[in-house]
Structure formats: structure tokens, C-alpha cells
Amino acid sequence: MASPLQKIKNDLIYYSARCLMFFIIHTPNSLVAPFGRLFGTLVYNLAGGERRKTIESIRTAFPKGFDDAQVGRLAQKVWSNLGRNLFEVVHWMGWSRERIVAQVARVRGLEHMDKAMASGRGLFVVTGHLGNWELLGGYLGTKYKGSALAQKLYDPRFDELVNHFRREKLGATSMIKRGVALRGILEALKEKRFLLALVDQDTGQDGVFVSFFGKPAWTQSGVARIARKTGAAIIPAFVVRGTDGQYELHMDREIMVPRTKDAEKDVLETVRGYTEAVESYVKAYPDQWMWMHQRWKTRPPGEAT
């Protein structure tokens, strides 16, 4: 239970956020993007701890690729894009679902999902905190029934706000919370729904070490383990902002899940497969990924942090 001081802090954050949301929803559409970029840049300049995490992560991934000035420019652009995405998603709360999903201007590779869903094996759509992952689930939900794996937010009020948006505006049939998710996942696969899973963060839970930008990173393995046992397909997909500013959906080929006598090796190979897919898109769109997440915080036994 939160302390009285923590409750006051949570209330202040929540009601401030609701005021900001009201402003964003009623902002003219033409001003949402510039206001969002400005907001993201402001947060980048004021939030010293998050700025340092962003810069440190970029340096870890590209130790020889960028000088200090380039790292700084990329870090600021990351926050600028994050602010724009945030303002867009909040602004969409006043839109119809049809208008929201129409923001996906181009689609590539949807035939891979069609093939997997037609097979009746169930499907995990794996993605990362890249581009606009909320729009990804919304668009795919216009094609097939789906569910999403999600972390429970620290404040139930924010949790309900996000879930309401996903249900009412993006058409999510259900949100399956991590930690108590197995039964819901198995039911969704049995009902031939797709499951959207973000697999690019170190949650400190069930996982394995695989290479991410050349350095071991603790990576969620639940999707790989369940897919191996159930026969479900795994397909990487991302909604990113193109060079013209419009959103485009990229869906890759199915990741083959090995099923040998060595279960742990099979899981490792599968996790490596979808992590490589995430890395390839982060490299292609480095300013659209959440570098402030401490992706390499968990270290292999015996390695210094």
C-alpha cells in the first residue's frame, strides 16, 4: 500500500496528466506533431537521469559509430519522436477507430500473418518499443481478433485509461497481464487469436541471454517457450514512421521454432531469432526506439555490471 506522501505524489501526477490529455485531445490536428516534439525535447532537457540513460544506451550500442555530438543529436531526436508519438496517441482518443488505423499509410508483409493465421496454429506477433506499437495492435486488430500482453502500470487509474483506449479505440479483445498470463495466452491461442508481445526489454523475469548490439542482454523467453510447446507461429512486426512522416507497417517472415530434444537450446535459438529482428529495425530506425530503457542492466554471472 502506498504511503500518504506517495499517494499525494501519484495524485499530482495523475491529475496533471489528465489536464495535459484534455489539452492534447482538443489541440488542432496540425499542431499535435510540433507540440509533441517540443514537449519531448523539453523533457529531454529537464530530465537529467533519463537523458543520461538514453545517451549511455546509445553509446553501448554504437561504441565506435558516433561521436559525442552525434550521440547527443540522436538522443534528443529520440525524445522528440517519443513526445510526438505520445501527443498523437492521446489526440486519437477523440477519433474513431477507423480514422486511427487509417494512419497506417503503407503495409508490407501482411501475407505472412495471413498464412500463419490460416494454419490454425495460433500466432505470436512480436515487436518492440519502436515507432508506434499501439497503432500496430490496432491495425492488426482490424484483420483478426487479437490480445496483447501488457505490464500492469503502477497506478490503476493509468492502467484503466490505457486499457480503455486499447479496447474502445484500437479494438483489443483483451489485455493479458504479465505474471498471471499463461492461462489467458493458452486460451487466446486455442481461440485462434493473435497475441501481440513486446520482447525488447529486460524485465528481470523468465529469460535468457542473447546478443543485442554485440553485448549479452537478458531477454524474455516466455513467447519462445510457449510457441515451442504449442506449435504457435512467431512473426516480427513493427509500425514505424517513414521518411515522409507517415506510418508504415512492416511484417517479416515467420521465425522458425526448432523442436529438438534439447528444449533450452531450442528456446535460446528462438529468442535469438526475434531479438535479431528487433535489432535490425532499431538499426534502421534508431531515433524511434526507447533507448532510455536500460537494456543491458542484467549481466551474466561473473561479469561486472
Protein backbone atom coordinates (compact mmCIF):
# COMPACT_ATOMS: atom_id res chain seq x y z
CA MET A 1 0.00 0.00 0.00
CA ALA A 2 1.32 3.44 -0.94
CA SER A 3 2.36 5.82 1.83
CA PRO A 4 0.39 9.09 2.25
CA LEU A 5 3.25 11.00 0.63
CA GLN A 6 3.40 8.59 -2.29
CA LYS A 7 -0.36 8.82 -2.72
CA ILE A 8 -0.17 12.62 -2.93
CA LYS A 9 2.61 12.30 -5.49
CA ASN A 10 0.61 9.78 -7.53
CA ASP A 11 -2.48 12.01 -7.40
CA LEU A 12 -0.47 15.02 -8.56
CA ILE A 13 0.97 13.06 -11.48
CA TYR A 14 -2.39 11.59 -12.44
CA TYR A 15 -4.41 14.82 -12.38
CA SER A 16 -1.63 16.73 -14.12
CA ALA A 17 -1.64 14.06 -16.82
CA ARG A 18 -5.42 14.31 -17.19
CA CYS A 19 -5.14 18.10 -17.66
CA LEU A 20 -2.44 17.60 -20.30
CA MET A 21 -4.56 14.96 -22.01
CA PHE A 22 -7.53 17.34 -22.18
CA PHE A 23 -5.29 19.95 -23.81
CA ILE A 24 -3.86 17.46 -26.33
CA ILE A 25 -7.25 15.98 -27.30
CA HIS A 26 -8.54 19.48 -28.12
CA THR A 27 -5.38 20.68 -29.87
CA PRO A 28 -5.84 21.33 -33.62
CA ASN A 29 -4.56 18.36 -35.58
CA SER A 30 -1.95 20.44 -37.41
CA LEU A 31 -0.32 21.43 -34.10
CA VAL A 32 -0.17 17.99 -32.45
CA ALA A 33 3.14 16.95 -34.04
CA PRO A 34 5.07 20.19 -33.38
CA PHE A 35 3.71 20.46 -29.81
CA GLY A 36 4.61 16.82 -29.21
CA ARG A 37 8.16 17.26 -30.47
CA LEU A 38 8.54 20.37 -28.34
CA PHE A 39 7.26 18.51 -25.28
CA GLY A 40 9.66 15.61 -25.86
CA THR A 41 12.60 17.98 -26.26
CA LEU A 42 11.61 19.81 -23.09
CA VAL A 43 11.51 16.55 -21.11
CA TYR A 44 14.89 15.56 -22.56
CA ASN A 45 16.43 18.81 -21.36
CA LEU A 46 14.84 18.72 -17.91
CA ALA A 47 15.01 15.01 -17.01
CA GLY A 48 18.73 14.62 -16.45
CA GLY A 49 18.58 11.00 -15.29
CA GLU A 50 16.55 9.84 -18.30
CA ARG A 51 18.77 11.84 -20.65
CA ARG A 52 21.87 10.12 -19.25
CA LYS A 53 20.28 6.67 -19.63
CA THR A 54 19.43 7.45 -23.24
CA ILE A 55 22.95 8.61 -24.05
CA GLU A 56 24.58 5.69 -22.23
CA SER A 57 22.45 3.14 -24.10
CA ILE A 58 23.26 4.67 -27.49
CA ARG A 59 26.96 4.62 -26.64
CA THR A 60 26.70 0.98 -25.58
CA ALA A 61 25.07 0.03 -28.88
CA PHE A 62 27.33 2.16 -31.07
CA PRO A 63 30.67 2.39 -29.23
CA LYS A 64 32.51 3.38 -32.41
CA GLY A 65 29.69 4.56 -34.61
CA PHE A 66 29.00 8.07 -33.29
CA ASP A 67 30.96 10.89 -31.75
CA ASP A 68 29.58 12.78 -28.73
CA ALA A 69 27.78 15.35 -30.85
CA GLN A 70 26.07 12.67 -32.94
CA VAL A 71 25.04 10.75 -29.82
CA GLY A 72 23.54 13.92 -28.36
CA ARG A 73 21.59 14.70 -31.53
CA LEU A 74 20.24 11.16 -31.76
CA ALA A 75 19.26 11.13 -28.07
CA GLN A 76 17.36 14.40 -28.41
CA LYS A 77 15.61 13.16 -31.56
CA VAL A 78 14.56 10.00 -29.70
CA TRP A 79 12.78 12.12 -27.09
CA SER A 80 11.36 14.46 -29.71
CA ASN A 81 9.82 11.48 -31.54
CA LEU A 82 8.59 9.97 -28.29
CA GLY A 83 6.83 13.23 -27.44
CA ARG A 84 5.25 13.37 -30.88
CA ASN A 85 4.03 9.76 -30.56
CA LEU A 86 2.60 10.45 -27.11
CA PHE A 87 0.70 13.53 -28.29
CA GLU A 88 -0.61 11.67 -31.33
CA VAL A 89 -1.91 8.71 -29.33
CA VAL A 90 -3.61 10.95 -26.77
CA HIS A 91 -5.08 13.11 -29.55
CA TRP A 92 -6.50 9.98 -31.16
CA MET A 93 -8.66 9.39 -28.08
CA GLY A 94 -11.12 11.79 -29.69
CA TRP A 95 -11.10 9.92 -33.02
CA SER A 96 -12.99 6.91 -34.35
CA ARG A 97 -11.18 3.60 -34.63
CA GLU A 98 -11.42 3.75 -38.42
CA ARG A 99 -9.68 7.11 -38.54
CA ILE A 100 -6.94 5.91 -36.18
CA VAL A 101 -6.00 2.76 -38.11
CA ALA A 102 -6.09 4.76 -41.35
CA GLN A 103 -2.91 6.44 -40.10
CA VAL A 104 -1.06 3.35 -41.36
CA ALA A 105 -0.34 4.54 -44.87
CA ARG A 106 1.65 1.57 -46.16
CA VAL A 107 1.71 -2.15 -45.33
CA ARG A 108 4.38 -4.70 -46.19
CA GLY A 109 4.34 -8.41 -45.44
CA LEU A 110 0.79 -8.88 -44.16
CA GLU A 111 0.64 -12.10 -46.17
CA HIS A 112 2.91 -13.71 -43.57
CA MET A 113 0.27 -13.13 -40.91
CA ASP A 114 -2.50 -14.35 -43.21
CA LYS A 115 -0.62 -17.59 -43.81
CA ALA A 116 0.09 -18.15 -40.11
CA MET A 117 -3.49 -17.46 -39.05
CA ALA A 118 -4.85 -19.74 -41.77
CA SER A 119 -2.73 -22.60 -40.44
CA GLY A 120 -4.74 -22.58 -37.20
CA ARG A 121 -1.65 -22.93 -35.00
CA GLY A 122 -2.08 -19.63 -33.18
CA LEU A 123 0.26 -16.69 -33.60
CA PHE A 124 2.58 -14.50 -31.57
CA VAL A 125 3.25 -11.13 -33.20
CA VAL A 126 6.47 -9.96 -31.58
CA THR A 127 7.52 -6.34 -31.62
CA GLY A 128 9.41 -3.76 -29.61
CA HIS A 129 9.07 -0.27 -28.19
CA LEU A 130 9.80 1.12 -31.62
CA GLY A 131 7.76 3.53 -33.71
CA ASN A 132 4.10 3.28 -32.67
CA TRP A 133 3.45 -0.15 -31.15
CA GLU A 134 -0.04 0.86 -30.03
CA LEU A 135 -1.03 1.51 -33.63
CA LEU A 136 0.40 -1.89 -34.60
CA GLY A 137 -2.06 -3.72 -32.38
CA GLY A 138 -4.91 -1.54 -33.54
CA TYR A 139 -4.25 -2.12 -37.22
CA LEU A 140 -3.80 -5.88 -36.91
CA GLY A 141 -7.00 -5.98 -34.87
CA THR A 142 -8.92 -4.86 -37.96
CA LYS A 143 -7.78 -8.04 -39.72
CA TYR A 144 -8.04 -10.65 -36.97
CA LYS A 145 -9.12 -10.94 -33.34
CA GLY A 146 -6.20 -10.42 -31.02
CA SER A 147 -4.96 -9.93 -27.50
CA ALA A 148 -1.95 -8.13 -26.12
CA LEU A 149 0.47 -9.00 -23.34
CA ALA A 150 0.97 -5.99 -21.11
CA GLN A 151 2.69 -4.89 -17.93
CA LYS A 152 0.42 -3.64 -15.17
CA LEU A 153 1.06 0.07 -14.58
CA TYR A 154 1.95 1.35 -11.12
CA ASP A 155 -1.25 3.42 -10.86
CA PRO A 156 -4.52 1.53 -11.57
CA ARG A 157 -6.05 4.73 -12.93
CA PHE A 158 -3.44 4.95 -15.69
CA ASP A 159 -3.87 1.22 -16.27
CA GLU A 160 -7.59 1.71 -16.89
CA LEU A 161 -7.01 4.74 -19.13
CA VAL A 162 -4.61 2.80 -21.35
CA ASN A 163 -6.79 -0.30 -21.43
CA HIS A 164 -9.87 1.76 -22.26
CA PHE A 165 -8.06 3.32 -25.22
CA ARG A 166 -6.91 -0.10 -26.42
CA ARG A 167 -10.38 -1.60 -26.10
CA GLU A 168 -12.56 1.23 -27.36
CA LYS A 169 -10.29 2.89 -29.92
CA LEU A 170 -7.99 0.07 -31.05
CA GLY A 171 -10.40 -2.82 -30.69
CA ALA A 172 -8.25 -5.05 -28.46
CA THR A 173 -10.38 -8.00 -27.38
CA SER A 174 -8.41 -8.48 -24.17
CA MET A 175 -5.32 -7.40 -22.29
CA ILE A 176 -3.34 -10.22 -20.72
CA LYS A 177 -1.22 -9.03 -17.81
CA ARG A 178 2.28 -10.44 -17.46
CA GLY A 179 2.89 -12.56 -14.39
CA VAL A 180 -0.55 -14.21 -14.50
CA ALA A 181 -0.65 -14.60 -18.24
CA LEU A 182 -0.25 -18.30 -19.10
CA ARG A 183 -3.90 -19.32 -18.91
CA GLY A 184 -5.01 -16.30 -20.93
CA ILE A 185 -2.32 -16.94 -23.54
CA LEU A 186 -3.31 -20.56 -24.00
CA GLU A 187 -6.97 -19.63 -24.27
CA ALA A 188 -6.18 -16.97 -26.89
CA LEU A 189 -4.13 -19.40 -28.96
CA LYS A 190 -6.89 -22.00 -28.72
CA GLU A 191 -9.40 -19.42 -29.93
CA LYS A 192 -7.09 -18.64 -32.87
CA ARG A 193 -6.42 -15.06 -31.78
CA PHE A 194 -3.08 -13.43 -32.40
CA LEU A 195 -1.07 -12.35 -29.37
CA LEU A 196 0.94 -9.12 -29.52
CA ALA A 197 4.06 -9.26 -27.34
CA LEU A 198 6.77 -6.65 -26.74
CA VAL A 199 10.04 -8.58 -26.42
CA ASP A 200 12.73 -5.91 -26.34
CA GLN A 201 13.11 -5.10 -22.65
CA ASP A 202 14.90 -6.54 -19.63
CA THR A 203 12.00 -7.29 -17.28
CA GLY A 204 14.17 -9.27 -14.85
CA GLN A 205 11.79 -12.23 -15.24
CA ASP A 206 11.99 -15.51 -17.16
CA GLY A 207 14.58 -15.09 -19.87
CA VAL A 208 17.89 -15.97 -21.45
CA PHE A 209 20.98 -14.06 -22.50
CA VAL A 210 21.28 -13.37 -26.24
CA SER A 211 23.35 -10.86 -28.15
CA PHE A 212 21.84 -7.43 -28.69
CA PHE A 213 24.13 -4.99 -30.48
CA GLY A 214 27.01 -7.36 -29.73
CA LYS A 215 26.51 -7.44 -25.95
CA PRO A 216 24.65 -10.11 -23.90
CA ALA A 217 21.17 -8.89 -22.99
CA TRP A 218 18.67 -10.63 -20.71
CA THR A 219 15.67 -11.22 -22.94
CA GLN A 220 12.16 -12.52 -22.27
CA SER A 221 11.81 -16.17 -23.28
CA GLY A 222 8.17 -16.86 -22.42
CA VAL A 223 6.99 -16.42 -26.01
CA ALA A 224 9.63 -18.85 -27.26
CA ARG A 225 8.80 -21.46 -24.62
CA ILE A 226 5.06 -21.35 -25.25
CA ALA A 227 5.47 -21.35 -29.05
CA ARG A 228 7.72 -24.41 -28.82
CA LYS A 229 5.15 -26.31 -26.73
CA THR A 230 2.01 -25.26 -28.61
CA GLY A 231 3.28 -25.03 -32.17
CA ALA A 232 2.23 -21.37 -32.42
CA ALA A 233 3.90 -19.27 -35.08
CA ILE A 234 6.10 -16.24 -34.30
CA ILE A 235 6.20 -13.28 -36.66
CA PRO A 236 8.02 -9.96 -36.06
CA ALA A 237 6.11 -6.79 -36.93
CA PHE A 238 6.69 -3.07 -36.45
CA VAL A 239 4.87 0.16 -37.22
CA VAL A 240 7.46 2.83 -37.93
CA ARG A 241 7.34 6.37 -39.23
CA GLY A 242 8.58 6.61 -42.79
CA THR A 243 10.75 9.35 -44.26
CA ASP A 244 7.60 11.22 -45.31
CA GLY A 245 6.30 11.23 -41.73
CA GLN A 246 3.57 8.67 -42.42
CA TYR A 247 3.29 5.37 -40.58
CA GLU A 248 4.07 2.11 -42.31
CA LEU A 249 3.66 -1.47 -41.10
CA HIS A 250 6.46 -3.95 -41.71
CA MET A 251 5.78 -7.65 -41.08
CA ASP A 252 8.62 -10.14 -41.54
CA ARG A 253 8.65 -13.84 -42.33
CA GLU A 254 7.81 -16.35 -39.63
CA ILE A 255 10.64 -17.20 -37.24
CA MET A 256 11.14 -20.95 -37.33
CA VAL A 257 10.96 -22.52 -33.87
CA PRO A 258 13.23 -25.58 -33.54
CA ARG A 259 11.81 -28.55 -31.66
CA THR A 260 14.69 -30.89 -30.87
CA LYS A 261 15.37 -32.96 -27.76
CA ASP A 262 17.26 -30.01 -26.28
CA ALA A 263 14.46 -27.69 -25.15
CA GLU A 264 16.73 -24.98 -23.73
CA LYS A 265 18.76 -24.79 -26.91
CA ASP A 266 15.56 -24.51 -28.94
CA VAL A 267 14.33 -21.66 -26.73
CA LEU A 268 17.69 -19.88 -27.00
CA GLU A 269 17.66 -20.10 -30.79
CA THR A 270 14.11 -18.79 -30.97
CA VAL A 271 14.81 -15.85 -28.65
CA ARG A 272 17.90 -15.09 -30.68
CA GLY A 273 15.75 -15.06 -33.81
CA TYR A 274 13.26 -12.47 -32.63
CA THR A 275 15.94 -10.39 -30.91
CA GLU A 276 17.86 -10.17 -34.17
CA ALA A 277 14.67 -8.96 -35.84
CA VAL A 278 14.24 -6.21 -33.22
CA GLU A 279 17.90 -5.20 -33.56
CA SER A 280 17.65 -4.92 -37.34
CA TYR A 281 14.75 -2.48 -37.04
CA VAL A 282 16.40 -0.47 -34.27
CA LYS A 283 19.44 -0.10 -36.52
CA ALA A 284 17.21 1.02 -39.39
CA TYR A 285 15.19 3.46 -37.22
CA PRO A 286 17.46 4.35 -34.28
CA ASP A 287 15.60 7.56 -33.48
CA GLN A 288 12.33 5.65 -32.96
CA TRP A 289 13.39 3.23 -30.21
CA MET A 290 13.19 3.79 -26.43
CA TRP A 291 16.89 3.99 -25.63
CA MET A 292 16.18 5.26 -22.11
CA HIS A 293 15.32 1.69 -21.10
CA GLN A 294 18.39 0.08 -19.51
CA ARG A 295 18.52 -2.84 -21.90
CA TRP A 296 21.76 -4.31 -20.59
CA LYS A 297 21.22 -3.82 -16.86
CA THR A 298 21.21 -7.56 -16.04
CA ARG A 299 24.64 -9.07 -16.57
CA PRO A 300 25.73 -12.70 -16.98
CA PRO A 301 27.09 -14.34 -13.80
CA GLY A 302 30.65 -13.25 -13.14
CA GLU A 303 30.52 -10.23 -15.44
CA ALA A 304 30.86 -6.79 -13.87
CA THR A 305 27.81 -4.54 -14.20
